Amino acid sequence: MKYRKAFGIVFAAAFSLLPAAAMAGFSQPQSASTDDPEASYQKGLRLEHRGETKAAVEAYRLAADGGHGLAQRKLGDIYGTGKNGVRRDYETSLKWYWRTQEQGLEIPKPFVYPGVRR
């Protein structure tokens, strides 16, 4: 009986330290957020591959707002063609293409649309 009681106390003490250890340096994996533009971009690629273009646009936007050039170009492409429920919007497409070009990345040539000025 004493052994069970003693074992229970040791067992309980060991597990009571787990939350403190977890807070002392172990962290949960980060999800795609504005803090990690690359993770948001990768999430957008996966969503777009599955045909979830609207959700992909949101992930790309998080990455693009964080300065991810490839995500900016993807937004330019998507808005320029309008696909899978995302309405074609030439002005928004140009905005993202210009931001891409400002970072030194290639954009489609020519990147002008009829009736849309910069």
PDB file of N, CA and C in Angstrom:
ATOM      1  N   MET A   1       0.822  -1.181   0.000  1.00  0.00           N
ATOM      2  CA  MET A   1       0.000   0.000   0.000  1.00  0.00           C
ATOM      3  C   MET A   1       0.868   1.249   0.000  1.00  0.00           C
ATOM      4  N   LYS A   2       1.948   1.253   0.814  1.00  0.00           N
ATOM      5  CA  LYS A   2       2.829   2.405   0.857  1.00  0.00           C
ATOM      6  C   LYS A   2       3.486   2.623  -0.504  1.00  0.00           C
ATOM      7  N   TYR A   3       3.823   1.514  -1.175  1.00  0.00           N
ATOM      8  CA  TYR A   3       4.468   1.613  -2.485  1.00  0.00           C
ATOM      9  C   TYR A   3       3.551   2.318  -3.487  1.00  0.00           C
ATOM     10  N   ARG A   4       2.281   1.943  -3.488  1.00  0.00           N
ATOM     11  CA  ARG A   4       1.333   2.574  -4.410  1.00  0.00           C
ATOM     12  C   ARG A   4       1.205   4.058  -4.115  1.00  0.00           C
ATOM     13  N   LYS A   5       1.125   4.399  -2.861  1.00  0.00           N
ATOM     14  CA  LYS A   5       0.980   5.801  -2.488  1.00  0.00           C
ATOM     15  C   LYS A   5       2.238   6.578  -2.889  1.00  0.00           C
ATOM     16  N   ALA A   6       3.395   6.016  -2.577  1.00  0.00           N
ATOM     17  CA  ALA A   6       4.647   6.688  -2.927  1.00  0.00           C
ATOM     18  C   ALA A   6       4.786   6.803  -4.439  1.00  0.00           C
ATOM     19  N   PHE A   7       4.459   5.747  -5.177  1.00  0.00           N
ATOM     20  CA  PHE A   7       4.548   5.784  -6.638  1.00  0.00           C
ATOM     21  C   PHE A   7       3.602   6.842  -7.193  1.00  0.00           C
ATOM     22  N   GLY A   8       2.417   6.915  -6.638  1.00  0.00           N
ATOM     23  CA  GLY A   8       1.443   7.909  -7.096  1.00  0.00           C
ATOM     24  C   GLY A   8       1.940   9.326  -6.879  1.00  0.00           C
ATOM     25  N   ILE A   9       2.608   9.587  -5.764  1.00  0.00           N
ATOM     26  CA  ILE A   9       3.139  10.920  -5.490  1.00  0.00           C
ATOM     27  C   ILE A   9       4.261  11.255  -6.464  1.00  0.00           C
ATOM     28  N   VAL A  10       5.166  10.327  -6.709  1.00  0.00           N
ATOM     29  CA  VAL A  10       6.259  10.548  -7.659  1.00  0.00           C
ATOM     30  C   VAL A  10       5.703  10.745  -9.059  1.00  0.00           C
ATOM     31  N   PHE A  11       4.750   9.909  -9.435  1.00  0.00           N
ATOM     32  CA  PHE A  11       4.116   9.989 -10.749  1.00  0.00           C
ATOM     33  C   PHE A  11       3.443  11.345 -10.936  1.00  0.00           C
ATOM     34  N   ALA A  12       2.688  11.773  -9.934  1.00  0.00           N
ATOM     35  CA  ALA A  12       1.995  13.059 -10.008  1.00  0.00           C
ATOM     36  C   ALA A  12       2.989  14.214 -10.059  1.00  0.00           C
ATOM     37  N   ALA A  13       4.068  14.127  -9.286  1.00  0.00           N
ATOM     38  CA  ALA A  13       5.070  15.187  -9.277  1.00  0.00           C
ATOM     39  C   ALA A  13       5.754  15.301 -10.628  1.00  0.00           C
ATOM     40  N   ALA A  14       6.031  14.178 -11.255  1.00  0.00           N
ATOM     41  CA  ALA A  14       6.694  14.199 -12.566  1.00  0.00           C
ATOM     42  C   ALA A  14       5.806  14.872 -13.607  1.00  0.00           C
ATOM     43  N   PHE A  15       4.515  14.568 -13.601  1.00  0.00           N
ATOM     44  CA  PHE A  15       3.624  15.146 -14.592  1.00  0.00           C
ATOM     45  C   PHE A  15       3.250  16.584 -14.272  1.00  0.00           C
ATOM     46  N   SER A  16       3.388  16.992 -13.027  1.00  0.00           N
ATOM     47  CA  SER A  16       3.094  18.385 -12.705  1.00  0.00           C
ATOM     48  C   SER A  16       4.173  19.308 -13.249  1.00  0.00           C
ATOM     49  N   LEU A  17       5.349  18.772 -13.579  1.00  0.00           N
ATOM     50  CA  LEU A  17       6.430  19.566 -14.143  1.00  0.00           C
ATOM     51  C   LEU A  17       6.294  19.756 -15.651  1.00  0.00           C
ATOM     52  N   LEU A  18       5.483  18.949 -16.301  1.00  0.00           N
ATOM     53  CA  LEU A  18       5.358  19.035 -17.753  1.00  0.00           C
ATOM     54  C   LEU A  18       4.904  20.406 -18.249  1.00  0.00           C
ATOM     55  N   PRO A  19       3.860  21.012 -17.674  1.00  0.00           N
ATOM     56  CA  PRO A  19       3.469  22.330 -18.178  1.00  0.00           C
ATOM     57  C   PRO A  19       4.575  23.370 -18.035  1.00  0.00           C
ATOM     58  N   ALA A  20       5.322  23.312 -16.941  1.00  0.00           N
ATOM     59  CA  ALA A  20       6.417  24.266 -16.749  1.00  0.00           C
ATOM     60  C   ALA A  20       7.501  24.043 -17.794  1.00  0.00           C
ATOM     61  N   ALA A  21       7.802  22.781 -18.090  1.00  0.00           N
ATOM     62  CA  ALA A  21       8.816  22.489 -19.106  1.00  0.00           C
ATOM     63  C   ALA A  21       8.346  22.940 -20.479  1.00  0.00           C
ATOM     64  N   ALA A  22       7.075  22.766 -20.742  1.00  0.00           N
ATOM     65  CA  ALA A  22       6.546  23.163 -22.044  1.00  0.00           C
ATOM     66  C   ALA A  22       6.641  24.675 -22.225  1.00  0.00           C
ATOM     67  N   MET A  23       6.421  25.405 -21.154  1.00  0.00           N
ATOM     68  CA  MET A  23       6.470  26.863 -21.254  1.00  0.00           C
ATOM     69  C   MET A  23       7.900  27.383 -21.229  1.00  0.00           C
ATOM     70  N   ALA A  24       8.853  26.549 -20.864  1.00  0.00           N
ATOM     71  CA  ALA A  24      10.228  26.994 -20.725  1.00  0.00           C
ATOM     72  C   ALA A  24      11.036  26.897 -22.012  1.00  0.00           C
ATOM     73  N   GLY A  25      10.429  26.591 -23.125  1.00  0.00           N
ATOM     74  CA  GLY A  25      11.215  26.550 -24.351  1.00  0.00           C
ATOM     75  C   GLY A  25      10.621  25.695 -25.440  1.00  0.00           C
ATOM     76  N   PHE A  26       9.692  24.847 -25.106  1.00  0.00           N
ATOM     77  CA  PHE A  26       9.039  24.036 -26.123  1.00  0.00           C
ATOM     78  C   PHE A  26       7.848  24.828 -26.619  1.00  0.00           C
ATOM     79  N   SER A  27       7.722  24.949 -27.933  1.00  0.00           N
ATOM     80  CA  SER A  27       6.616  25.735 -28.458  1.00  0.00           C
ATOM     81  C   SER A  27       5.842  24.930 -29.478  1.00  0.00           C
ATOM     82  N   GLN A  28       4.641  25.374 -29.737  1.00  0.00           N
ATOM     83  CA  GLN A  28       3.790  24.755 -30.740  1.00  0.00           C
ATOM     84  C   GLN A  28       4.264  25.172 -32.124  1.00  0.00           C
ATOM     85  N   PRO A  29       4.092  24.309 -33.138  1.00  0.00           N
ATOM     86  CA  PRO A  29       4.457  24.709 -34.492  1.00  0.00           C
ATOM     87  C   PRO A  29       3.624  25.899 -34.937  1.00  0.00           C
ATOM     88  N   GLN A  30       4.260  26.799 -35.656  1.00  0.00           N
ATOM     89  CA  GLN A  30       3.577  27.993 -36.113  1.00  0.00           C
ATOM     90  C   GLN A  30       2.749  27.693 -37.356  1.00  0.00           C
ATOM     91  N   SER A  31       1.569  28.262 -37.429  1.00  0.00           N
ATOM     92  CA  SER A  31       0.757  28.131 -38.630  1.00  0.00           C
ATOM     93  C   SER A  31       1.114  29.282 -39.561  1.00  0.00           C
ATOM     94  N   ALA A  32       0.579  29.241 -40.772  1.00  0.00           N
ATOM     95  CA  ALA A  32       0.846  30.307 -41.735  1.00  0.00           C
ATOM     96  C   ALA A  32       0.246  31.603 -41.197  1.00  0.00           C
ATOM     97  N   SER A  33       1.056  32.614 -41.078  1.00  0.00           N
ATOM     98  CA  SER A  33       0.584  33.895 -40.576  1.00  0.00           C
ATOM     99  C   SER A  33       1.393  34.992 -41.222  1.00  0.00           C
ATOM    100  N   THR A  34       1.070  36.229 -40.861  1.00  0.00           N
ATOM    101  CA  THR A  34       1.808  37.352 -41.423  1.00  0.00           C
ATOM    102  C   THR A  34       3.244  37.358 -40.931  1.00  0.00           C
ATOM    103  N   ASP A  35       3.537  36.630 -39.839  1.00  0.00           N
ATOM    104  CA  ASP A  35       4.903  36.549 -39.334  1.00  0.00           C
ATOM    105  C   ASP A  35       5.778  35.665 -40.214  1.00  0.00           C
ATOM    106  N   ASP A  36       5.164  34.801 -41.002  1.00  0.00           N
ATOM    107  CA  ASP A  36       5.920  33.865 -41.828  1.00  0.00           C
ATOM    108  C   ASP A  36       5.366  33.873 -43.249  1.00  0.00           C
ATOM    109  N   PRO A  37       5.813  34.829 -44.076  1.00  0.00           N
ATOM    110  CA  PRO A  37       5.296  34.923 -45.441  1.00  0.00           C
ATOM    111  C   PRO A  37       5.526  33.657 -46.262  1.00  0.00           C
ATOM    112  N   GLU A  38       6.644  32.971 -46.056  1.00  0.00           N
ATOM    113  CA  GLU A  38       6.915  31.750 -46.830  1.00  0.00           C
ATOM    114  C   GLU A  38       5.889  30.661 -46.506  1.00  0.00           C
ATOM    115  N   ALA A  39       5.531  30.523 -45.236  1.00  0.00           N
ATOM    116  CA  ALA A  39       4.525  29.526 -44.852  1.00  0.00           C
ATOM    117  C   ALA A  39       3.171  29.867 -45.455  1.00  0.00           C
ATOM    118  N   SER A  40       2.827  31.144 -45.478  1.00  0.00           N
ATOM    119  CA  SER A  40       1.566  31.559 -46.088  1.00  0.00           C
ATOM    120  C   SER A  40       1.577  31.288 -47.591  1.00  0.00           C
ATOM    121  N   TYR A  41       2.702  31.552 -48.227  1.00  0.00           N
ATOM    122  CA  TYR A  41       2.826  31.292 -49.668  1.00  0.00           C
ATOM    123  C   TYR A  41       2.680  29.800 -49.953  1.00  0.00           C
ATOM    124  N   GLN A  42       3.343  28.964 -49.180  1.00  0.00           N
ATOM    125  CA  GLN A  42       3.240  27.518 -49.370  1.00  0.00           C
ATOM    126  C   GLN A  42       1.814  27.025 -49.139  1.00  0.00           C
ATOM    127  N   LYS A  43       1.147  27.589 -48.155  1.00  0.00           N
ATOM    128  CA  LYS A  43      -0.251  27.237 -47.898  1.00  0.00           C
ATOM    129  C   LYS A  43      -1.099  27.633 -49.099  1.00  0.00           C
ATOM    130  N   GLY A  44      -0.842  28.798 -49.670  1.00  0.00           N
ATOM    131  CA  GLY A  44      -1.567  29.238 -50.858  1.00  0.00           C
ATOM    132  C   GLY A  44      -1.364  28.298 -52.030  1.00  0.00           C
ATOM    133  N   LEU A  45      -0.135  27.838 -52.222  1.00  0.00           N
ATOM    134  CA  LEU A  45       0.135  26.884 -53.308  1.00  0.00           C
ATOM    135  C   LEU A  45      -0.678  25.595 -53.130  1.00  0.00           C
ATOM    136  N   ARG A  46      -0.700  25.085 -51.891  1.00  0.00           N
ATOM    137  CA  ARG A  46      -1.461  23.853 -51.626  1.00  0.00           C
ATOM    138  C   ARG A  46      -2.950  24.068 -51.879  1.00  0.00           C
ATOM    139  N   LEU A  47      -3.474  25.187 -51.414  1.00  0.00           N
ATOM    140  CA  LEU A  47      -4.896  25.476 -51.603  1.00  0.00           C
ATOM    141  C   LEU A  47      -5.231  25.637 -53.079  1.00  0.00           C
ATOM    142  N   GLU A  48      -4.387  26.347 -53.805  1.00  0.00           N
ATOM    143  CA  GLU A  48      -4.642  26.546 -55.231  1.00  0.00           C
ATOM    144  C   GLU A  48      -4.576  25.216 -55.978  1.00  0.00           C
ATOM    145  N   HIS A  49      -3.650  24.363 -55.611  1.00  0.00           N
ATOM    146  CA  HIS A  49      -3.522  23.049 -56.242  1.00  0.00           C
ATOM    147  C   HIS A  49      -4.788  22.211 -56.038  1.00  0.00           C
ATOM    148  N   ARG A  50      -5.430  22.383 -54.882  1.00  0.00           N
ATOM    149  CA  ARG A  50      -6.674  21.650 -54.590  1.00  0.00           C
ATOM    150  C   ARG A  50      -7.896  22.320 -55.206  1.00  0.00           C
ATOM    151  N   GLY A  51      -7.701  23.454 -55.880  1.00  0.00           N
ATOM    152  CA  GLY A  51      -8.821  24.144 -56.511  1.00  0.00           C
ATOM    153  C   GLY A  51      -9.542  25.127 -55.601  1.00  0.00           C
ATOM    154  N   GLU A  52      -8.982  25.400 -54.443  1.00  0.00           N
ATOM    155  CA  GLU A  52      -9.588  26.335 -53.490  1.00  0.00           C
ATOM    156  C   GLU A  52      -8.967  27.715 -53.693  1.00  0.00           C
ATOM    157  N   THR A  53      -9.282  28.328 -54.824  1.00  0.00           N
ATOM    158  CA  THR A  53      -8.617  29.565 -55.228  1.00  0.00           C
ATOM    159  C   THR A  53      -8.909  30.727 -54.291  1.00  0.00           C
ATOM    160  N   LYS A  54     -10.155  30.852 -53.837  1.00  0.00           N
ATOM    161  CA  LYS A  54     -10.480  31.972 -52.936  1.00  0.00           C
ATOM    162  C   LYS A  54      -9.666  31.901 -51.643  1.00  0.00           C
ATOM    163  N   ALA A  55      -9.551  30.719 -51.082  1.00  0.00           N
ATOM    164  CA  ALA A  55      -8.755  30.550 -49.858  1.00  0.00           C
ATOM    165  C   ALA A  55      -7.276  30.767 -50.159  1.00  0.00           C
ATOM    166  N   ALA A  56      -6.838  30.336 -51.344  1.00  0.00           N
ATOM    167  CA  ALA A  56      -5.436  30.532 -51.737  1.00  0.00           C
ATOM    168  C   ALA A  56      -5.121  32.017 -51.848  1.00  0.00           C
ATOM    169  N   VAL A  57      -6.056  32.796 -52.380  1.00  0.00           N
ATOM    170  CA  VAL A  57      -5.844  34.243 -52.511  1.00  0.00           C
ATOM    171  C   VAL A  57      -5.613  34.869 -51.149  1.00  0.00           C
ATOM    172  N   GLU A  58      -6.353  34.435 -50.148  1.00  0.00           N
ATOM    173  CA  GLU A  58      -6.166  34.982 -48.799  1.00  0.00           C
ATOM    174  C   GLU A  58      -4.784  34.624 -48.247  1.00  0.00           C
ATOM    175  N   ALA A  59      -4.356  33.391 -48.472  1.00  0.00           N
ATOM    176  CA  ALA A  59      -3.026  32.989 -48.007  1.00  0.00           C
ATOM    177  C   ALA A  59      -1.940  33.758 -48.765  1.00  0.00           C
ATOM    178  N   TYR A  60      -2.112  33.899 -50.085  1.00  0.00           N
ATOM    179  CA  TYR A  60      -1.148  34.662 -50.870  1.00  0.00           C
ATOM    180  C   TYR A  60      -1.108  36.126 -50.411  1.00  0.00           C
ATOM    181  N   ARG A  61      -2.271  36.669 -50.072  1.00  0.00           N
ATOM    182  CA  ARG A  61      -2.319  38.065 -49.632  1.00  0.00           C
ATOM    183  C   ARG A  61      -1.539  38.252 -48.333  1.00  0.00           C
ATOM    184  N   LEU A  62      -1.661  37.313 -47.408  1.00  0.00           N
ATOM    185  CA  LEU A  62      -0.875  37.395 -46.169  1.00  0.00           C
ATOM    186  C   LEU A  62       0.617  37.398 -46.483  1.00  0.00           C
ATOM    187  N   ALA A  63       1.012  36.500 -47.382  1.00  0.00           N
ATOM    188  CA  ALA A  63       2.431  36.425 -47.759  1.00  0.00           C
ATOM    189  C   ALA A  63       2.865  37.684 -48.503  1.00  0.00           C
ATOM    190  N   ALA A  64       2.027  38.156 -49.422  1.00  0.00           N
ATOM    191  CA  ALA A  64       2.366  39.332 -50.222  1.00  0.00           C
ATOM    192  C   ALA A  64       2.477  40.579 -49.354  1.00  0.00           C
ATOM    193  N   ASP A  65       1.590  40.716 -48.396  1.00  0.00           N
ATOM    194  CA  ASP A  65       1.671  41.861 -47.477  1.00  0.00           C
ATOM    195  C   ASP A  65       2.942  41.790 -46.633  1.00  0.00           C
ATOM    196  N   GLY A  66       3.464  40.592 -46.444  1.00  0.00           N
ATOM    197  CA  GLY A  66       4.720  40.405 -45.724  1.00  0.00           C
ATOM    198  C   GLY A  66       5.942  40.573 -46.617  1.00  0.00           C
ATOM    199  N   GLY A  67       5.725  40.926 -47.894  1.00  0.00           N
ATOM    200  CA  GLY A  67       6.833  41.189 -48.802  1.00  0.00           C
ATOM    201  C   GLY A  67       7.276  40.015 -49.649  1.00  0.00           C
ATOM    202  N   HIS A  68       6.489  38.963 -49.730  1.00  0.00           N
ATOM    203  CA  HIS A  68       6.854  37.780 -50.512  1.00  0.00           C
ATOM    204  C   HIS A  68       6.557  38.044 -51.998  1.00  0.00           C
ATOM    205  N   GLY A  69       7.612  38.188 -52.790  1.00  0.00           N
ATOM    206  CA  GLY A  69       7.483  38.553 -54.195  1.00  0.00           C
ATOM    207  C   GLY A  69       6.741  37.541 -55.044  1.00  0.00           C
ATOM    208  N   LEU A  70       6.979  36.254 -54.816  1.00  0.00           N
ATOM    209  CA  LEU A  70       6.287  35.239 -55.611  1.00  0.00           C
ATOM    210  C   LEU A  70       4.784  35.223 -55.312  1.00  0.00           C
ATOM    211  N   ALA A  71       4.423  35.494 -54.070  1.00  0.00           N
ATOM    212  CA  ALA A  71       3.001  35.584 -53.717  1.00  0.00           C
ATOM    213  C   ALA A  71       2.375  36.795 -54.400  1.00  0.00           C
ATOM    214  N   GLN A  72       3.122  37.891 -54.479  1.00  0.00           N
ATOM    215  CA  GLN A  72       2.619  39.078 -55.171  1.00  0.00           C
ATOM    216  C   GLN A  72       2.375  38.769 -56.641  1.00  0.00           C
ATOM    217  N   ARG A  73       3.312  38.037 -57.262  1.00  0.00           N
ATOM    218  CA  ARG A  73       3.138  37.685 -58.672  1.00  0.00           C
ATOM    219  C   ARG A  73       1.955  36.740 -58.855  1.00  0.00           C
ATOM    220  N   LYS A  74       1.772  35.786 -57.938  1.00  0.00           N
ATOM    221  CA  LYS A  74       0.623  34.882 -58.015  1.00  0.00           C
ATOM    222  C   LYS A  74      -0.689  35.662 -57.963  1.00  0.00           C
ATOM    223  N   LEU A  75      -0.755  36.666 -57.084  1.00  0.00           N
ATOM    224  CA  LEU A  75      -1.968  37.488 -57.005  1.00  0.00           C
ATOM    225  C   LEU A  75      -2.198  38.238 -58.312  1.00  0.00           C
ATOM    226  N   GLY A  76      -1.110  38.755 -58.897  1.00  0.00           N
ATOM    227  CA  GLY A  76      -1.235  39.414 -60.198  1.00  0.00           C
ATOM    228  C   GLY A  76      -1.779  38.471 -61.246  1.00  0.00           C
ATOM    229  N   ASP A  77      -1.291  37.240 -61.248  1.00  0.00           N
ATOM    230  CA  ASP A  77      -1.761  36.236 -62.212  1.00  0.00           C
ATOM    231  C   ASP A  77      -3.237  35.903 -62.002  1.00  0.00           C
ATOM    232  N   ILE A  78      -3.604  35.651 -60.761  1.00  0.00           N
ATOM    233  CA  ILE A  78      -4.976  35.240 -60.459  1.00  0.00           C
ATOM    234  C   ILE A  78      -5.965  36.353 -60.793  1.00  0.00           C
ATOM    235  N   TYR A  79      -5.667  37.582 -60.359  1.00  0.00           N
ATOM    236  CA  TYR A  79      -6.585  38.680 -60.649  1.00  0.00           C
ATOM    237  C   TYR A  79      -6.584  39.042 -62.134  1.00  0.00           C
ATOM    238  N   GLY A  80      -5.476  38.808 -62.813  1.00  0.00           N
ATOM    239  CA  GLY A  80      -5.404  39.105 -64.243  1.00  0.00           C
ATOM    240  C   GLY A  80      -6.230  38.166 -65.096  1.00  0.00           C
ATOM    241  N   THR A  81      -6.357  36.929 -64.671  1.00  0.00           N
ATOM    242  CA  THR A  81      -7.125  35.952 -65.441  1.00  0.00           C
ATOM    243  C   THR A  81      -8.505  35.717 -64.862  1.00  0.00           C
ATOM    244  N   GLY A  82      -8.649  35.895 -63.570  1.00  0.00           N
ATOM    245  CA  GLY A  82      -9.925  35.614 -62.919  1.00  0.00           C
ATOM    246  C   GLY A  82     -10.254  34.135 -63.060  1.00  0.00           C
ATOM    247  N   LYS A  83     -10.141  33.388 -61.991  1.00  0.00           N
ATOM    248  CA  LYS A  83     -10.420  31.963 -62.105  1.00  0.00           C
ATOM    249  C   LYS A  83     -11.008  31.399 -60.824  1.00  0.00           C
ATOM    250  N   ASN A  84     -11.776  30.339 -60.985  1.00  0.00           N
ATOM    251  CA  ASN A  84     -12.372  29.587 -59.867  1.00  0.00           C
ATOM    252  C   ASN A  84     -13.033  30.478 -58.822  1.00  0.00           C
ATOM    253  N   GLY A  85     -13.896  31.352 -59.250  1.00  0.00           N
ATOM    254  CA  GLY A  85     -14.651  32.178 -58.319  1.00  0.00           C
ATOM    255  C   GLY A  85     -14.002  33.487 -57.937  1.00  0.00           C
ATOM    256  N   VAL A  86     -12.800  33.744 -58.414  1.00  0.00           N
ATOM    257  CA  VAL A  86     -12.149  35.030 -58.160  1.00  0.00           C
ATOM    258  C   VAL A  86     -12.385  35.901 -59.388  1.00  0.00           C
ATOM    259  N   ARG A  87     -13.001  37.027 -59.171  1.00  0.00           N
ATOM    260  CA  ARG A  87     -13.374  37.927 -60.268  1.00  0.00           C
ATOM    261  C   ARG A  87     -12.136  38.572 -60.881  1.00  0.00           C
ATOM    262  N   ARG A  88     -12.101  38.654 -62.203  1.00  0.00           N
ATOM    263  CA  ARG A  88     -10.995  39.322 -62.899  1.00  0.00           C
ATOM    264  C   ARG A  88     -11.008  40.800 -62.514  1.00  0.00           C
ATOM    265  N   ASP A  89      -9.855  41.298 -62.125  1.00  0.00           N
ATOM    266  CA  ASP A  89      -9.731  42.696 -61.708  1.00  0.00           C
ATOM    267  C   ASP A  89      -8.364  43.192 -62.180  1.00  0.00           C
ATOM    268  N   TYR A  90      -8.370  43.878 -63.314  1.00  0.00           N
ATOM    269  CA  TYR A  90      -7.117  44.310 -63.921  1.00  0.00           C
ATOM    270  C   TYR A  90      -6.343  45.291 -63.052  1.00  0.00           C
ATOM    271  N   GLU A  91      -7.043  46.200 -62.396  1.00  0.00           N
ATOM    272  CA  GLU A  91      -6.338  47.181 -61.555  1.00  0.00           C
ATOM    273  C   GLU A  91      -5.623  46.500 -60.384  1.00  0.00           C
ATOM    274  N   THR A  92      -6.287  45.555 -59.739  1.00  0.00           N
ATOM    275  CA  THR A  92      -5.665  44.832 -58.633  1.00  0.00           C
ATOM    276  C   THR A  92      -4.500  43.983 -59.146  1.00  0.00           C
ATOM    277  N   SER A  93      -4.686  43.391 -60.318  1.00  0.00           N
ATOM    278  CA  SER A  93      -3.617  42.607 -60.927  1.00  0.00           C
ATOM    279  C   SER A  93      -2.388  43.470 -61.164  1.00  0.00           C
ATOM    280  N   LEU A  94      -2.575  44.639 -61.737  1.00  0.00           N
ATOM    281  CA  LEU A  94      -1.448  45.541 -61.984  1.00  0.00           C
ATOM    282  C   LEU A  94      -0.768  45.978 -60.693  1.00  0.00           C
ATOM    283  N   LYS A  95      -1.575  46.250 -59.674  1.00  0.00           N
ATOM    284  CA  LYS A  95      -0.998  46.653 -58.386  1.00  0.00           C
ATOM    285  C   LYS A  95      -0.025  45.593 -57.884  1.00  0.00           C
ATOM    286  N   TRP A  96      -0.449  44.326 -57.941  1.00  0.00           N
ATOM    287  CA  TRP A  96       0.425  43.254 -57.450  1.00  0.00           C
ATOM    288  C   TRP A  96       1.614  43.036 -58.369  1.00  0.00           C
ATOM    289  N   TYR A  97       1.420  43.175 -59.684  1.00  0.00           N
ATOM    290  CA  TYR A  97       2.552  43.042 -60.602  1.00  0.00           C
ATOM    291  C   TYR A  97       3.579  44.150 -60.371  1.00  0.00           C
ATOM    292  N   TRP A  98       3.122  45.372 -60.124  1.00  0.00           N
ATOM    293  CA  TRP A  98       4.065  46.468 -59.866  1.00  0.00           C
ATOM    294  C   TRP A  98       4.857  46.209 -58.594  1.00  0.00           C
ATOM    295  N   ARG A  99       4.176  45.713 -57.560  1.00  0.00           N
ATOM    296  CA  ARG A  99       4.892  45.416 -56.311  1.00  0.00           C
ATOM    297  C   ARG A  99       5.912  44.304 -56.530  1.00  0.00           C
ATOM    298  N   THR A 100       5.579  43.334 -57.381  1.00  0.00           N
ATOM    299  CA  THR A 100       6.511  42.258 -57.721  1.00  0.00           C
ATOM    300  C   THR A 100       7.730  42.820 -58.430  1.00  0.00           C
ATOM    301  N   GLN A 101       7.472  43.675 -59.408  1.00  0.00           N
ATOM    302  CA  GLN A 101       8.561  44.249 -60.200  1.00  0.00           C
ATOM    303  C   GLN A 101       9.467  45.127 -59.341  1.00  0.00           C
ATOM    304  N   GLU A 102       8.905  45.839 -58.374  1.00  0.00           N
ATOM    305  CA  GLU A 102       9.703  46.678 -57.476  1.00  0.00           C
ATOM    306  C   GLU A 102      10.714  45.851 -56.680  1.00  0.00           C
ATOM    307  N   GLN A 103      10.431  44.572 -56.507  1.00  0.00           N
ATOM    308  CA  GLN A 103      11.353  43.689 -55.784  1.00  0.00           C
ATOM    309  C   GLN A 103      12.368  43.034 -56.724  1.00  0.00           C
ATOM    310  N   GLY A 104      12.285  43.364 -58.014  1.00  0.00           N
ATOM    311  CA  GLY A 104      13.247  42.832 -58.965  1.00  0.00           C
ATOM    312  C   GLY A 104      12.871  41.499 -59.577  1.00  0.00           C
ATOM    313  N   LEU A 105      11.652  41.057 -59.377  1.00  0.00           N
ATOM    314  CA  LEU A 105      11.199  39.799 -59.962  1.00  0.00           C
ATOM    315  C   LEU A 105      10.568  40.040 -61.326  1.00  0.00           C
ATOM    316  N   GLU A 106      10.647  39.034 -62.176  1.00  0.00           N
ATOM    317  CA  GLU A 106      10.069  39.125 -63.516  1.00  0.00           C
ATOM    318  C   GLU A 106       8.545  39.064 -63.448  1.00  0.00           C
ATOM    319  N   ILE A 107       7.922  39.825 -64.322  1.00  0.00           N
ATOM    320  CA  ILE A 107       6.470  39.766 -64.462  1.00  0.00           C
ATOM    321  C   ILE A 107       6.159  39.538 -65.933  1.00  0.00           C
ATOM    322  N   PRO A 108       4.947  39.065 -66.241  1.00  0.00           N
ATOM    323  CA  PRO A 108       4.607  38.806 -67.639  1.00  0.00           C
ATOM    324  C   PRO A 108       4.696  40.075 -68.477  1.00  0.00           C
ATOM    325  N   LYS A 109       5.147  39.925 -69.697  1.00  0.00           N
ATOM    326  CA  LYS A 109       5.217  41.054 -70.623  1.00  0.00           C
ATOM    327  C   LYS A 109       4.205  40.826 -71.723  1.00  0.00           C
ATOM    328  N   PRO A 110       3.503  41.771 -72.211  1.00  0.00           N
ATOM    329  CA  PRO A 110       3.321  43.070 -71.590  1.00  0.00           C
ATOM    330  C   PRO A 110       2.350  42.950 -70.421  1.00  0.00           C
ATOM    331  N   PHE A 111       2.496  43.794 -69.456  1.00  0.00           N
ATOM    332  CA  PHE A 111       1.618  43.718 -68.293  1.00  0.00           C
ATOM    333  C   PHE A 111       0.677  44.920 -68.236  1.00  0.00           C
ATOM    334  N   VAL A 112       0.194  45.320 -69.388  1.00  0.00           N
ATOM    335  CA  VAL A 112      -0.806  46.384 -69.450  1.00  0.00           C
ATOM    336  C   VAL A 112      -2.123  45.756 -69.853  1.00  0.00           C
ATOM    337  N   TYR A 113      -3.197  46.346 -69.371  1.00  0.00           N
ATOM    338  CA  TYR A 113      -4.525  45.860 -69.705  1.00  0.00           C
ATOM    339  C   TYR A 113      -5.284  46.986 -70.396  1.00  0.00           C
ATOM    340  N   PRO A 114      -6.166  46.646 -71.310  1.00  0.00           N
ATOM    341  CA  PRO A 114      -6.931  47.671 -72.029  1.00  0.00           C
ATOM    342  C   PRO A 114      -7.725  48.552 -71.067  1.00  0.00           C
ATOM    343  N   GLY A 115      -7.542  49.853 -71.205  1.00  0.00           N
ATOM    344  CA  GLY A 115      -8.325  50.806 -70.414  1.00  0.00           C
ATOM    345  C   GLY A 115      -7.881  50.973 -68.978  1.00  0.00           C
ATOM    346  N   VAL A 116      -6.779  50.374 -68.569  1.00  0.00           N
ATOM    347  CA  VAL A 116      -6.306  50.485 -67.181  1.00  0.00           C
ATOM    348  C   VAL A 116      -4.970  51.201 -67.196  1.00  0.00           C
ATOM    349  N   ARG A 117      -4.905  52.262 -66.419  1.00  0.00           N
ATOM    350  CA  ARG A 117      -3.661  53.018 -66.295  1.00  0.00           C
ATOM    351  C   ARG A 117      -3.039  52.765 -64.941  1.00  0.00           C
ATOM    352  N   ARG A 118      -1.757  52.964 -64.913  1.00  0.00           N
ATOM    353  CA  ARG A 118      -1.049  52.807 -63.644  1.00  0.00           C
ATOM    354  C   ARG A 118      -1.299  53.987 -62.753  1.00  0.00           C
TER     355      ARG A 118
END
